[in-house]
N, C-alpha and C. Protein backbone atom coordinates (compact mmCIF):
# COMPACT_ATOMS: atom_id res chain seq x y z
N MET A 1 0.89 -1.17 0.25
CA MET A 1 -0.07 -0.16 0.01
C MET A 1 0.65 1.56 0.19
N ASP A 2 0.57 2.14 -0.92
CA ASP A 2 1.31 3.65 -0.68
C ASP A 2 0.34 4.37 0.14
N VAL A 3 1.80 4.31 1.82
CA VAL A 3 0.95 5.03 2.58
C VAL A 3 0.28 6.49 2.14
N ARG A 4 1.05 7.42 1.07
CA ARG A 4 0.51 8.60 0.51
C ARG A 4 -0.56 8.69 0.40
N THR A 5 -1.26 7.69 -0.73
CA THR A 5 -2.37 7.85 -1.35
C THR A 5 -3.38 6.35 -1.33
N GLY A 6 -2.89 5.81 0.09
CA GLY A 6 -3.35 4.77 0.12
C GLY A 6 -4.00 3.47 -0.54
N LEU A 7 -3.61 3.47 -1.70
CA LEU A 7 -3.61 2.70 -2.92
C LEU A 7 -2.98 1.16 -2.41
N GLY A 8 -3.47 -0.08 -2.62
CA GLY A 8 -3.05 -0.84 -2.44
C GLY A 8 -3.02 -1.84 -3.90
N ARG A 9 -2.15 -2.92 -3.42
CA ARG A 9 -2.85 -4.05 -4.59
C ARG A 9 -1.92 -5.41 -4.01
N GLN A 10 -2.49 -6.46 -4.93
CA GLN A 10 -2.08 -7.90 -3.99
C GLN A 10 -0.65 -8.01 -4.73
N ALA A 11 0.58 -8.00 -3.81
CA ALA A 11 1.64 -8.08 -4.56
C ALA A 11 2.39 -9.34 -5.10
N VAL A 12 1.79 -10.22 -4.22
CA VAL A 12 2.26 -11.34 -4.00
C VAL A 12 1.00 -12.49 -4.12
N ALA A 13 0.78 -13.80 -4.79
CA ALA A 13 -0.40 -14.18 -5.37
C ALA A 13 0.04 -15.61 -4.28
N GLU A 14 -1.64 -15.79 -3.58
CA GLU A 14 -1.06 -17.08 -2.55
C GLU A 14 -0.81 -18.36 -3.05
N GLU A 15 -0.09 -19.04 -2.50
CA GLU A 15 0.40 -20.20 -2.87
C GLU A 15 0.41 -21.57 -2.18
N ALA A 16 0.75 -22.42 -2.64
CA ALA A 16 0.52 -23.49 -1.65
C ALA A 16 1.92 -23.37 -0.94
N THR A 17 1.64 -23.81 0.26
CA THR A 17 3.25 -24.40 1.17
C THR A 17 2.99 -24.81 2.48
N MET A 18 4.34 -25.41 2.49
CA MET A 18 3.98 -26.77 3.71
C MET A 18 4.53 -25.97 4.52
N ASP A 19 4.50 -24.51 4.58
CA ASP A 19 5.26 -23.97 5.90
C ASP A 19 3.98 -23.91 7.47
N ASP A 20 4.32 -24.17 8.18
CA ASP A 20 3.25 -23.58 9.67
C ASP A 20 3.00 -22.44 9.37
N PHE A 21 4.25 -21.42 9.49
CA PHE A 21 3.93 -20.09 9.83
C PHE A 21 4.56 -19.19 8.48
N ARG A 22 3.99 -18.31 7.64
CA ARG A 22 5.25 -17.43 6.82
C ARG A 22 5.20 -16.20 7.37
N SER A 23 5.83 -15.36 7.56
CA SER A 23 5.86 -14.22 7.71
C SER A 23 6.80 -13.18 6.85
N TRP A 24 5.96 -12.18 6.15
CA TRP A 24 6.76 -11.09 5.70
C TRP A 24 7.82 -10.13 6.57
N VAL A 25 8.87 -10.19 6.19
CA VAL A 25 9.78 -9.63 7.07
C VAL A 25 10.75 -8.65 6.93
N ALA A 26 10.45 -8.27 5.49
CA ALA A 26 11.11 -7.16 4.94
C ALA A 26 10.68 -6.61 3.23
N VAL A 27 10.91 -5.62 3.39
CA VAL A 27 10.57 -5.15 1.77
C VAL A 27 11.62 -4.07 0.91
N GLY A 28 11.98 -4.14 0.17
CA GLY A 28 12.77 -3.13 -0.38
C GLY A 28 12.49 -2.68 -1.95
N ARG A 29 13.18 -2.40 -2.61
CA ARG A 29 12.85 -1.35 -3.77
C ARG A 29 12.60 -2.54 -4.87
N ARG A 30 13.13 -3.60 -4.87
CA ARG A 30 13.16 -4.53 -5.95
C ARG A 30 12.59 -5.84 -5.44
N TRP A 31 12.72 -6.27 -3.79
CA TRP A 31 12.10 -7.46 -4.03
C TRP A 31 11.58 -7.31 -2.59
N LEU A 32 10.62 -8.54 -2.15
CA LEU A 32 10.15 -8.77 -0.52
C LEU A 32 10.54 -10.20 -0.30
N GLN A 33 10.85 -9.75 1.27
CA GLN A 33 11.07 -11.41 1.62
C GLN A 33 10.37 -12.17 3.16
N ALA A 34 9.84 -13.51 2.62
CA ALA A 34 9.19 -13.88 3.42
C ALA A 34 10.06 -15.17 3.93
N LEU A 35 9.59 -15.17 5.56
CA LEU A 35 10.25 -16.45 6.43
C LEU A 35 9.58 -17.62 6.48
N GLY A 36 9.82 -18.52 6.06
CA GLY A 36 8.81 -19.44 6.07
C GLY A 36 9.44 -20.48 7.51
N THR A 37 8.66 -20.92 8.48
CA THR A 37 9.03 -21.89 9.25
C THR A 37 7.63 -23.17 9.32
N SER A 38 8.58 -24.02 9.95
CA SER A 38 8.05 -25.65 10.20
C SER A 38 8.66 -25.64 11.27
N TYR A 39 8.65 -27.25 12.19
CA TYR A 39 9.27 -28.03 12.78
C TYR A 39 10.77 -28.55 12.14
N HIS A 40 10.68 -28.21 10.84
CA HIS A 40 11.63 -29.21 10.11
C HIS A 40 12.60 -28.11 9.27
N ARG A 41 11.88 -26.82 9.20
CA ARG A 41 12.52 -26.10 8.47
C ARG A 41 12.20 -24.54 8.66
N GLN A 42 13.41 -24.00 8.25
CA GLN A 42 13.59 -22.50 8.49
C GLN A 42 14.32 -21.60 7.43
N ASP A 43 13.50 -20.94 6.62
CA ASP A 43 14.26 -20.41 5.37
C ASP A 43 13.30 -19.68 4.77
N SER A 44 14.37 -18.49 4.01
CA SER A 44 13.64 -17.59 3.12
C SER A 44 13.08 -17.92 2.06
N ALA A 45 12.24 -16.80 1.38
CA ALA A 45 11.93 -16.95 -0.21
C ALA A 45 11.72 -15.83 -0.52
N PHE A 46 12.00 -15.25 -1.98
CA PHE A 46 12.09 -13.79 -1.74
C PHE A 46 11.18 -13.05 -3.75
N TYR A 47 10.30 -12.55 -3.78
CA TYR A 47 9.74 -12.12 -4.18
C TYR A 47 9.15 -10.76 -5.34
N ASP A 48 9.76 -10.80 -6.62
CA ASP A 48 9.74 -9.60 -7.47
C ASP A 48 9.04 -8.43 -6.74
N ARG A 49 9.00 -7.37 -6.23
CA ARG A 49 8.23 -6.86 -5.68
C ARG A 49 6.81 -5.96 -6.79
N ALA A 50 7.50 -6.01 -8.60
CA ALA A 50 6.72 -5.71 -9.81
C ALA A 50 5.93 -7.05 -9.91
N THR A 51 6.05 -7.76 -10.21
CA THR A 51 5.51 -9.03 -10.80
C THR A 51 5.09 -9.93 -9.68
N GLY A 52 5.11 -10.19 -8.74
CA GLY A 52 5.11 -10.96 -7.42
C GLY A 52 5.88 -12.34 -7.72
N ARG A 53 6.27 -12.62 -8.75
CA ARG A 53 7.24 -13.95 -9.30
C ARG A 53 8.41 -14.37 -8.30
N ARG A 54 8.24 -15.07 -7.57
CA ARG A 54 9.05 -15.87 -6.89
C ARG A 54 10.70 -15.98 -7.33
N TYR A 55 11.61 -15.50 -6.79
CA TYR A 55 12.98 -15.80 -6.83
C TYR A 55 13.67 -17.34 -7.16
N ASN A 56 13.78 -17.86 -8.36
CA ASN A 56 14.44 -19.17 -8.30
C ASN A 56 15.97 -19.31 -8.61
N GLY A 57 16.67 -17.74 -8.54
CA GLY A 57 17.94 -18.22 -8.77
C GLY A 57 18.89 -18.94 -7.75
N ALA A 58 20.25 -18.88 -7.99
CA ALA A 58 21.39 -19.10 -7.27
C ALA A 58 20.90 -18.34 -5.43
N LEU A 59 21.49 -19.74 -4.68
CA LEU A 59 21.41 -19.36 -3.06
C LEU A 59 21.80 -17.99 -2.85
N PRO A 60 21.09 -17.12 -2.15
CA PRO A 60 21.82 -15.01 -2.25
C PRO A 60 22.46 -16.06 -0.45
N PHE A 61 22.68 -16.67 -0.06
CA PHE A 61 23.07 -16.78 1.54
C PHE A 61 24.59 -17.37 1.07
N GLY A 62 25.60 -16.78 2.04
CA GLY A 62 26.69 -17.76 2.04
C GLY A 62 27.77 -16.53 2.67
N PRO A 63 29.18 -17.47 2.68
CA PRO A 63 29.99 -16.58 3.71
C PRO A 63 30.08 -15.20 3.50
N ARG A 64 30.16 -14.96 2.04
CA ARG A 64 31.02 -13.95 1.35
C ARG A 64 29.48 -13.31 0.81
N ARG A 65 28.64 -13.45 0.78
CA ARG A 65 27.20 -12.61 0.10
C ARG A 65 25.97 -13.43 0.71
N GLN A 66 25.70 -12.16 0.49
CA GLN A 66 23.66 -12.05 0.99
C GLN A 66 22.94 -11.11 0.49
N PRO A 67 21.39 -11.36 0.43
CA PRO A 67 20.90 -10.75 -0.08
C PRO A 67 20.66 -9.20 0.15
N ASP A 68 20.20 -8.74 -0.96
CA ASP A 68 20.34 -7.08 -0.90
C ASP A 68 18.85 -6.69 -1.85
N LEU A 69 17.78 -6.57 -1.12
CA LEU A 69 16.43 -6.39 -1.47
C LEU A 69 16.18 -5.12 -2.64
N ASP A 70 17.55 -4.39 -2.62
CA ASP A 70 17.02 -3.17 -3.47
C ASP A 70 17.93 -3.32 -4.53
N ARG A 71 18.62 -4.67 -4.97
CA ARG A 71 20.08 -4.77 -6.63
C ARG A 71 19.08 -5.64 -7.08
N SER A 72 18.75 -5.23 -8.16
CA SER A 72 18.00 -6.23 -9.21
C SER A 72 18.38 -7.48 -9.21
N THR A 73 20.08 -7.88 -8.90
CA THR A 73 20.21 -9.15 -8.77
C THR A 73 19.66 -9.81 -7.61
N LEU A 74 19.60 -9.69 -6.49
CA LEU A 74 19.16 -9.80 -4.99
C LEU A 74 20.37 -10.15 -4.37
N VAL A 75 21.57 -10.58 -4.76
CA VAL A 75 23.08 -10.56 -4.12
C VAL A 75 23.68 -9.43 -3.70
N ARG A 76 24.12 -8.93 -2.34
CA ARG A 76 25.53 -8.03 -2.82
C ARG A 76 26.44 -8.81 -2.28
N PRO A 77 27.71 -8.80 -2.97
CA PRO A 77 29.18 -9.33 -2.17
C PRO A 77 29.19 -8.81 -0.85
N ILE A 78 29.64 -9.61 0.59
CA ILE A 78 30.31 -9.11 1.20
C ILE A 78 31.64 -8.45 1.51
N CYS A 79 31.86 -7.37 1.64
CA CYS A 79 32.91 -6.39 1.78
C CYS A 79 34.52 -7.58 2.59
N SER A 80 35.67 -7.59 1.83
CA SER A 80 36.58 -8.20 2.88
C SER A 80 36.92 -7.25 3.59
N PRO A 81 37.22 -7.99 5.05
CA PRO A 81 37.53 -9.55 5.25
C PRO A 81 36.56 -9.79 6.28
N LEU A 82 35.13 -9.15 5.83
CA LEU A 82 34.19 -9.69 6.62
C LEU A 82 33.47 -11.18 6.09
N ARG A 83 32.99 -11.47 7.15
CA ARG A 83 32.22 -12.94 6.62
C ARG A 83 30.64 -13.04 7.70
N ALA A 84 29.91 -13.52 7.17
CA ALA A 84 28.94 -13.67 7.91
C ALA A 84 28.67 -14.91 8.25
N SER A 85 28.03 -15.50 9.49
CA SER A 85 27.92 -16.23 10.57
C SER A 85 27.04 -17.28 10.24
N THR A 86 27.11 -18.67 10.38
CA THR A 86 26.72 -19.48 10.04
C THR A 86 25.30 -19.60 10.89
N ASP A 87 24.12 -19.85 11.03
CA ASP A 87 22.96 -19.66 11.34
C ASP A 87 22.81 -21.17 12.66
N GLY A 88 23.62 -21.68 12.60
CA GLY A 88 23.37 -22.66 13.63
C GLY A 88 22.83 -24.20 13.24
N PHE A 89 21.99 -23.67 11.95
CA PHE A 89 20.84 -25.20 11.68
C PHE A 89 21.58 -26.28 10.99
N GLU A 90 23.04 -26.14 11.59
CA GLU A 90 24.06 -27.44 10.48
C GLU A 90 23.21 -29.02 10.35
N ASN A 91 22.42 -29.30 11.46
CA ASN A 91 21.82 -30.70 11.47
C ASN A 91 20.72 -30.84 10.47
N LEU A 92 20.39 -29.36 9.82
CA LEU A 92 19.34 -29.76 8.85
C LEU A 92 19.56 -30.14 7.67
N PRO A 93 19.03 -30.46 6.13
CA PRO A 93 20.07 -31.06 5.22
C PRO A 93 20.03 -28.89 4.88
N PRO A 94 20.82 -28.65 4.03
CA PRO A 94 21.15 -27.48 3.74
C PRO A 94 19.79 -26.64 2.93
N GLU A 95 19.22 -27.33 1.86
CA GLU A 95 18.49 -26.76 1.39
C GLU A 95 16.93 -25.96 2.74
N LEU A 96 16.98 -27.00 3.83
CA LEU A 96 16.06 -26.71 4.58
C LEU A 96 16.15 -25.33 5.77
N SER A 97 17.64 -24.50 5.31
CA SER A 97 17.38 -23.25 6.03
C SER A 97 18.47 -22.47 5.05
N ASP A 98 18.33 -21.02 5.62
CA ASP A 98 19.18 -20.10 4.44
C ASP A 98 20.44 -20.50 4.92
N GLY A 99 21.21 -20.74 5.97
CA GLY A 99 23.08 -21.47 6.32
C GLY A 99 23.52 -20.36 6.98
N TYR A 100 23.06 -19.14 6.27
CA TYR A 100 24.12 -17.96 7.35
C TYR A 100 23.19 -16.89 7.44
N VAL A 101 23.52 -16.09 8.76
CA VAL A 101 22.98 -14.87 9.13
C VAL A 101 22.95 -13.68 8.37
N PRO A 102 22.69 -13.09 7.77
CA PRO A 102 23.35 -11.69 7.00
C PRO A 102 23.62 -10.60 8.06
N LEU A 103 25.14 -10.01 7.57
CA LEU A 103 25.39 -8.67 8.42
C LEU A 103 24.20 -7.54 8.62
N LEU A 104 24.38 -6.75 8.91
CA LEU A 104 23.44 -5.58 9.04
C LEU A 104 24.69 -4.34 8.64
N PHE A 105 24.70 -3.90 7.54
CA PHE A 105 25.30 -2.76 6.87
C PHE A 105 24.81 -1.32 6.98
N SER A 106 25.63 -0.79 7.39
CA SER A 106 25.49 0.67 7.31
C SER A 106 26.77 1.44 6.98
N GLY A 107 26.57 2.08 5.16
CA GLY A 107 28.26 2.24 4.77
C GLY A 107 29.27 1.16 4.78
N ARG A 108 30.41 1.67 5.47
CA ARG A 108 31.52 0.20 6.05
C ARG A 108 31.22 -0.27 7.35
N TRP A 109 29.94 0.18 7.95
CA TRP A 109 30.57 -0.50 9.04
C TRP A 109 29.26 -1.67 8.71
N ALA A 110 29.28 -2.93 9.94
CA ALA A 110 28.81 -3.90 9.91
C ALA A 110 28.37 -4.17 11.15
N LEU A 111 26.95 -5.10 11.02
CA LEU A 111 26.51 -5.53 12.67
C LEU A 111 26.17 -7.04 12.63
N ASP A 112 27.15 -8.29 13.46
CA ASP A 112 26.94 -9.29 12.90
C ASP A 112 26.23 -9.83 14.46
N THR A 113 24.82 -10.38 13.66
CA THR A 113 24.08 -11.09 15.23
C THR A 113 24.32 -12.27 15.84
N GLY A 114 25.16 -13.09 15.13
CA GLY A 114 25.55 -14.14 15.47
C GLY A 114 24.27 -15.57 14.87
N PRO A 115 24.29 -16.38 15.13
CA PRO A 115 23.70 -17.55 14.93
C PRO A 115 22.70 -17.71 15.61
N GLU A 116 21.47 -17.78 14.76
CA GLU A 116 19.87 -18.22 15.05
C GLU A 116 19.95 -18.79 16.53
N VAL A 117 20.60 -19.88 16.39
CA VAL A 117 20.32 -21.46 17.24
C VAL A 117 21.45 -20.94 17.59
N LEU A 118 21.51 -21.40 19.37
CA LEU A 118 22.53 -21.23 20.47
C LEU A 118 23.07 -22.31 20.47
N SER A 119 24.01 -22.88 21.38
CA SER A 119 24.14 -23.77 21.75
C SER A 119 25.37 -23.48 23.33
N ALA A 120 25.70 -24.80 23.93
CA ALA A 120 26.41 -24.54 24.85
C ALA A 120 27.78 -23.91 24.45
N SER A 121 28.15 -24.35 22.96
CA SER A 121 29.57 -23.72 22.65
C SER A 121 29.24 -22.54 21.96
N ARG A 122 27.93 -21.76 21.82
CA ARG A 122 27.61 -20.48 20.80
C ARG A 122 26.75 -19.88 21.68
N GLU A 123 27.16 -18.58 22.13
CA GLU A 123 26.05 -17.66 23.07
C GLU A 123 25.81 -16.04 22.04
N GLN A 124 24.75 -15.85 22.39
CA GLN A 124 24.53 -14.59 21.71
C GLN A 124 25.42 -13.41 22.11
N ARG A 125 25.74 -12.72 20.58
CA ARG A 125 26.23 -11.82 21.34
C ARG A 125 26.42 -10.74 19.70
N LEU A 126 26.58 -9.77 20.15
CA LEU A 126 26.11 -8.63 19.00
C LEU A 126 28.09 -7.89 18.75
N VAL A 127 28.30 -7.90 17.44
CA VAL A 127 29.98 -7.52 17.26
C VAL A 127 29.75 -6.23 15.91
N LEU A 128 30.42 -5.39 16.42
CA LEU A 128 30.29 -4.37 15.28
C LEU A 128 31.75 -4.83 14.57
N LYS A 129 31.85 -4.63 13.44
CA LYS A 129 32.96 -4.71 12.29
C LYS A 129 32.73 -3.69 10.85
N ARG A 130 34.04 -3.50 10.65
CA ARG A 130 34.07 -2.53 9.10
C ARG A 130 34.80 -3.25 8.39
N CYS A 131 34.64 -2.89 6.90
CA CYS A 131 35.26 -3.54 5.78
C CYS A 131 36.15 -2.54 5.79
N GLY A 132 37.53 -3.70 5.33
CA GLY A 132 38.52 -2.99 5.37
C GLY A 132 39.86 -3.58 6.74
N THR A 133 39.53 -4.33 7.66
CA THR A 133 39.71 -3.97 9.07
C THR A 133 39.07 -5.87 9.38
N ARG A 134 40.02 -6.51 10.26
CA ARG A 134 39.70 -7.29 10.97
C ARG A 134 39.40 -7.14 12.30
N HIS A 135 39.54 -5.72 13.09
CA HIS A 135 39.60 -5.42 14.20
C HIS A 135 37.65 -5.43 14.33
N ALA A 136 37.38 -6.46 15.93
CA ALA A 136 35.78 -6.18 15.63
C ALA A 136 35.53 -5.74 17.49
N THR A 137 34.49 -4.85 17.35
CA THR A 137 34.24 -4.34 19.20
C THR A 137 32.78 -5.47 19.70
N LEU A 138 32.90 -5.97 20.79
CA LEU A 138 31.74 -6.44 20.77
C LEU A 138 30.82 -5.43 21.92
N MET A 139 29.69 -5.53 21.42
CA MET A 139 28.71 -4.29 21.54
C MET A 139 28.07 -4.61 22.95
N GLY A 140 27.58 -6.19 22.90
CA GLY A 140 26.86 -6.83 24.38
C GLY A 140 26.76 -8.38 23.86
N ARG A 141 25.82 -8.33 24.61
CA ARG A 141 25.59 -10.26 25.05
C ARG A 141 23.98 -10.44 24.90
N ASP A 142 23.46 -11.23 24.92
CA ASP A 142 22.10 -11.44 25.50
C ASP A 142 21.16 -10.50 25.38
N THR A 143 21.11 -9.95 23.95
CA THR A 143 20.47 -8.71 23.01
C THR A 143 19.16 -9.17 23.00
N SER A 144 18.01 -8.49 23.12
CA SER A 144 16.43 -8.63 22.58
C SER A 144 16.30 -7.24 21.33
N GLY A 145 15.49 -7.98 20.72
CA GLY A 145 15.05 -7.29 19.40
C GLY A 145 16.23 -6.81 18.48
N ASP A 146 15.77 -6.57 17.49
CA ASP A 146 16.32 -6.34 16.31
C ASP A 146 17.54 -4.97 16.38
N PRO A 147 18.29 -5.21 16.87
CA PRO A 147 19.68 -4.06 16.62
C PRO A 147 19.86 -3.20 15.48
N ALA A 148 20.13 -1.66 15.30
CA ALA A 148 19.77 -0.81 14.49
C ALA A 148 20.82 0.20 14.35
N PHE A 149 21.27 0.70 13.00
CA PHE A 149 21.88 1.62 12.94
C PHE A 149 21.05 3.02 12.66
N ILE A 150 21.07 4.01 13.71
CA ILE A 150 20.26 4.98 13.67
C ILE A 150 21.03 6.18 14.04
N ASP A 151 21.29 7.01 12.90
CA ASP A 151 21.49 8.47 13.19
C ASP A 151 23.65 8.40 13.63
N GLY A 152 24.12 7.46 13.20
CA GLY A 152 25.30 7.39 13.33
C GLY A 152 25.41 6.39 14.80
N HIS A 153 24.52 5.94 15.14
CA HIS A 153 24.89 5.14 16.45
C HIS A 153 24.35 3.29 16.06
N VAL A 154 25.47 2.83 17.01
CA VAL A 154 24.20 1.56 16.62
C VAL A 154 23.54 1.52 18.24
N VAL A 155 22.79 0.56 18.04
CA VAL A 155 21.26 0.88 19.26
C VAL A 155 20.52 -0.48 18.86
N TRP A 156 20.57 -1.36 20.47
CA TRP A 156 20.40 -2.01 20.93
C TRP A 156 19.23 -2.28 22.36
N ALA A 157 18.80 -3.71 22.10
CA ALA A 157 18.25 -3.81 23.50
C ALA A 157 19.09 -4.60 24.63
N ASP A 158 18.47 -4.88 25.85
CA ASP A 158 19.35 -6.00 26.60
C ASP A 158 18.19 -6.70 27.28
N GLY A 159 16.87 -6.48 26.80
CA GLY A 159 15.62 -6.90 28.11
C GLY A 159 15.30 -5.76 29.37
N VAL A 160 16.65 -4.89 29.34
CA VAL A 160 16.49 -4.15 30.67
C VAL A 160 16.44 -2.63 30.07
N SER A 161 17.89 -2.10 29.40
CA SER A 161 17.66 -0.83 28.90
C SER A 161 17.95 -1.12 27.08
N LEU A 162 17.77 0.46 27.18
CA LEU A 162 18.18 0.75 25.46
C LEU A 162 19.53 1.19 25.78
N LEU A 163 20.61 0.75 24.73
CA LEU A 163 21.93 0.66 24.86
C LEU A 163 22.36 1.65 23.45
N THR A 164 23.22 2.53 23.68
CA THR A 164 23.64 2.90 22.10
C THR A 164 25.26 3.51 22.10
N TYR A 165 26.26 3.28 21.02
CA TYR A 165 27.12 3.17 20.87
C TYR A 165 27.46 4.23 19.61
N ARG A 166 28.32 5.28 19.99
CA ARG A 166 28.32 6.37 18.80
C ARG A 166 29.42 6.35 18.07
N LEU A 167 29.13 6.14 16.69
CA LEU A 167 30.49 5.60 16.04
C LEU A 167 31.50 6.41 15.94
N ARG A 168 30.94 8.18 15.51
CA ARG A 168 31.95 8.75 15.63
C ARG A 168 33.55 8.92 17.03
N ASP A 169 33.05 8.11 17.96
CA ASP A 169 33.80 8.30 19.01
C ASP A 169 34.24 7.15 20.23
N SER A 170 32.82 6.36 20.00
CA SER A 170 33.16 5.12 20.68
C SER A 170 32.10 4.84 22.03
N ARG A 171 31.36 6.51 21.78
CA ARG A 171 30.87 6.93 23.21
C ARG A 171 29.53 5.90 23.86
N ARG A 172 29.68 5.23 24.67
CA ARG A 172 28.36 4.41 25.56
C ARG A 172 27.57 5.01 26.03
N ARG A 173 25.84 4.66 25.77
CA ARG A 173 25.01 5.34 26.98
C ARG A 173 23.95 4.47 27.00
N SER A 174 23.34 4.41 28.12
CA SER A 174 21.85 3.70 27.95
C SER A 174 20.71 4.89 28.64
N TYR A 175 19.64 4.20 28.54
CA TYR A 175 18.47 4.67 29.00
C TYR A 175 17.54 3.34 29.67
N GLU A 176 17.13 3.44 30.30
CA GLU A 176 16.33 3.00 31.50
C GLU A 176 14.83 2.79 31.76
N PRO A 177 13.84 2.96 31.34
CA PRO A 177 12.34 3.58 31.54
C PRO A 177 12.15 3.11 33.15
N ALA A 178 11.72 4.43 33.69
CA ALA A 178 11.50 4.53 35.16
C ALA A 178 10.38 3.25 35.30
N SER A 179 9.97 2.14 34.50
CA SER A 179 9.25 0.94 34.76
C SER A 179 9.67 -0.12 33.72
N GLY A 180 9.61 -1.04 34.18
CA GLY A 180 9.72 -2.30 32.96
C GLY A 180 11.01 -2.40 31.93
N GLY A 181 11.41 -2.84 31.47
CA GLY A 181 12.32 -3.43 30.41
C GLY A 181 12.05 -3.09 29.59
N VAL A 182 12.93 -2.65 28.65
CA VAL A 182 13.03 -2.63 27.08
C VAL A 182 13.28 -3.92 25.92
N SER A 183 12.42 -4.31 25.28
CA SER A 183 12.03 -5.57 24.83
C SER A 183 12.29 -5.56 23.22
N GLY A 184 12.39 -4.56 22.93
CA GLY A 184 12.75 -3.87 21.28
C GLY A 184 13.05 -2.67 20.56
N VAL A 185 13.77 -2.58 19.79
CA VAL A 185 14.31 -1.07 19.38
C VAL A 185 14.16 -1.36 18.12
N TRP A 186 13.91 -0.46 17.22
CA TRP A 186 13.33 0.17 15.47
C TRP A 186 13.83 1.35 15.39
N ARG A 187 14.48 1.56 14.08
CA ARG A 187 14.57 2.84 13.64
C ARG A 187 13.47 3.65 13.26
N LEU A 188 13.56 4.70 13.89
CA LEU A 188 11.88 5.84 13.02
C LEU A 188 12.74 6.89 12.82
N GLY A 189 13.32 7.24 11.85
CA GLY A 189 14.22 7.90 11.36
C GLY A 189 15.23 8.47 12.16
N HIS A 190 15.31 9.84 12.86
CA HIS A 190 16.58 10.00 13.79
C HIS A 190 16.19 9.59 15.23
N ARG A 191 15.13 8.90 15.30
CA ARG A 191 15.00 8.48 16.60
C ARG A 191 15.23 6.98 16.64
N ALA A 192 14.44 6.55 17.87
CA ALA A 192 14.32 5.35 18.64
C ALA A 192 13.34 4.61 18.33
N LEU A 193 12.45 3.77 18.19
CA LEU A 193 11.10 3.29 19.06
C LEU A 193 11.35 2.11 19.42
N ILE A 194 11.30 2.19 21.06
CA ILE A 194 11.54 1.34 21.45
C ILE A 194 9.84 0.67 22.42
N ALA A 195 10.30 -1.09 22.42
CA ALA A 195 8.97 -1.54 22.68
C ALA A 195 9.63 -1.79 24.44
N VAL A 196 8.42 -1.50 25.62
CA VAL A 196 8.95 -1.13 27.15
C VAL A 196 7.67 -2.43 27.77
N ASN A 197 8.42 -3.26 27.91
CA ASN A 197 7.58 -4.63 28.72
C ASN A 197 6.96 -4.40 30.40
N ASP A 198 6.15 -4.01 31.12
CA ASP A 198 6.03 -4.13 32.38
C ASP A 198 4.95 -4.58 32.68
N ALA A 199 5.24 -6.27 33.27
CA ALA A 199 4.51 -6.68 33.89
C ALA A 199 3.43 -6.21 34.97
N GLY A 200 3.84 -5.10 35.44
CA GLY A 200 3.04 -4.74 36.33
C GLY A 200 2.23 -3.75 36.11
N ALA A 201 2.26 -3.45 35.20
CA ALA A 201 1.35 -2.20 34.55
C ALA A 201 -0.38 -2.18 33.99
N ALA A 202 -0.62 -1.16 34.28
CA ALA A 202 -1.94 -2.09 33.93
C ALA A 202 -2.05 -2.12 31.90
N ASN A 203 -1.38 -1.31 31.44
CA ASN A 203 -1.03 -1.99 30.44
C ASN A 203 0.80 -2.26 30.29
N PRO A 204 0.66 -3.47 29.97
CA PRO A 204 2.61 -4.21 30.20
C PRO A 204 3.19 -3.89 28.79
N GLN A 205 2.38 -3.40 27.72
CA GLN A 205 3.42 -3.34 26.70
C GLN A 205 3.20 -1.64 26.32
N GLN A 206 4.27 -0.57 26.34
CA GLN A 206 4.50 0.15 25.61
C GLN A 206 5.07 0.83 24.42
N LEU A 207 4.94 1.27 23.61
CA LEU A 207 5.88 1.69 22.31
C LEU A 207 6.01 2.80 22.61
N LEU A 208 7.59 3.87 23.24
CA LEU A 208 7.98 4.83 22.96
C LEU A 208 8.83 5.39 21.92
N SER A 209 8.99 6.81 21.75
CA SER A 209 9.54 7.03 21.13
C SER A 209 11.06 8.33 21.60
N VAL A 210 12.06 7.68 21.26
CA VAL A 210 13.33 8.45 22.33
C VAL A 210 14.06 8.65 21.37
N GLN A 211 14.65 10.47 21.90
CA GLN A 211 15.20 11.04 20.74
C GLN A 211 16.79 10.54 21.26
N LEU A 212 17.76 9.79 20.20
CA LEU A 212 19.07 9.85 20.45
C LEU A 212 20.16 10.72 21.62
N ALA A 213 19.98 11.92 21.27
CA ALA A 213 20.50 12.90 21.28
C ALA A 213 20.81 13.17 22.85
N SER A 214 19.35 12.64 23.38
CA SER A 214 19.05 13.10 24.83
C SER A 214 18.90 12.20 25.50
N VAL A 215 19.44 10.93 25.01
CA VAL A 215 19.68 9.64 25.75
C VAL A 215 20.68 9.28 27.16
N PRO A 216 20.19 9.65 28.24
CA PRO A 216 21.16 9.91 29.53
C PRO A 216 22.28 8.49 29.43
N GLN A 217 23.44 9.27 30.30
CA GLN A 217 24.29 8.42 30.58
C GLN A 217 23.63 7.33 31.48
């Protein structure tokens, strides 16, 4: 739907699927992305935004490649020496999972969120990397929600606080709501939209907009 005019159209025709659940997770200038999930599989499908046709080309996931929904080819190379993390579904046949977790890019900066499936040997870690260097910075562990680049910051949540890291000078700050914990964060222009869960409140979940320039230490 065009939010300016309110006019919409069906972008993808209904199709028979073996997935127990299919969610639409992203939209780009050229492609739409859906994630199909069932007990035995979790993998992505891509659809041409103009025609609704499903992408049937080479797998866009790999250690040095990942999907780009704005590119006509769908695939973008990952700059050296960065590599995507495996998704942790090693026990599944390769056609039943994507195999890798794409990096989140902002210019030459990249966020590695690590594997989707954790184990005793693999913990959840959010790592900041940059094209052209092997240096990496650990942002945090046990993150919740989706991290984001917002207005020159890395922004993420840990279930309690909203945490930020300013790229130009490595300054870290945090914001903790008066009650409840931050369970998710999303980009909203130059601001951060956060979800606050408070089990003791009459309205246990709130959505708040936070100006990054005013986030307290």
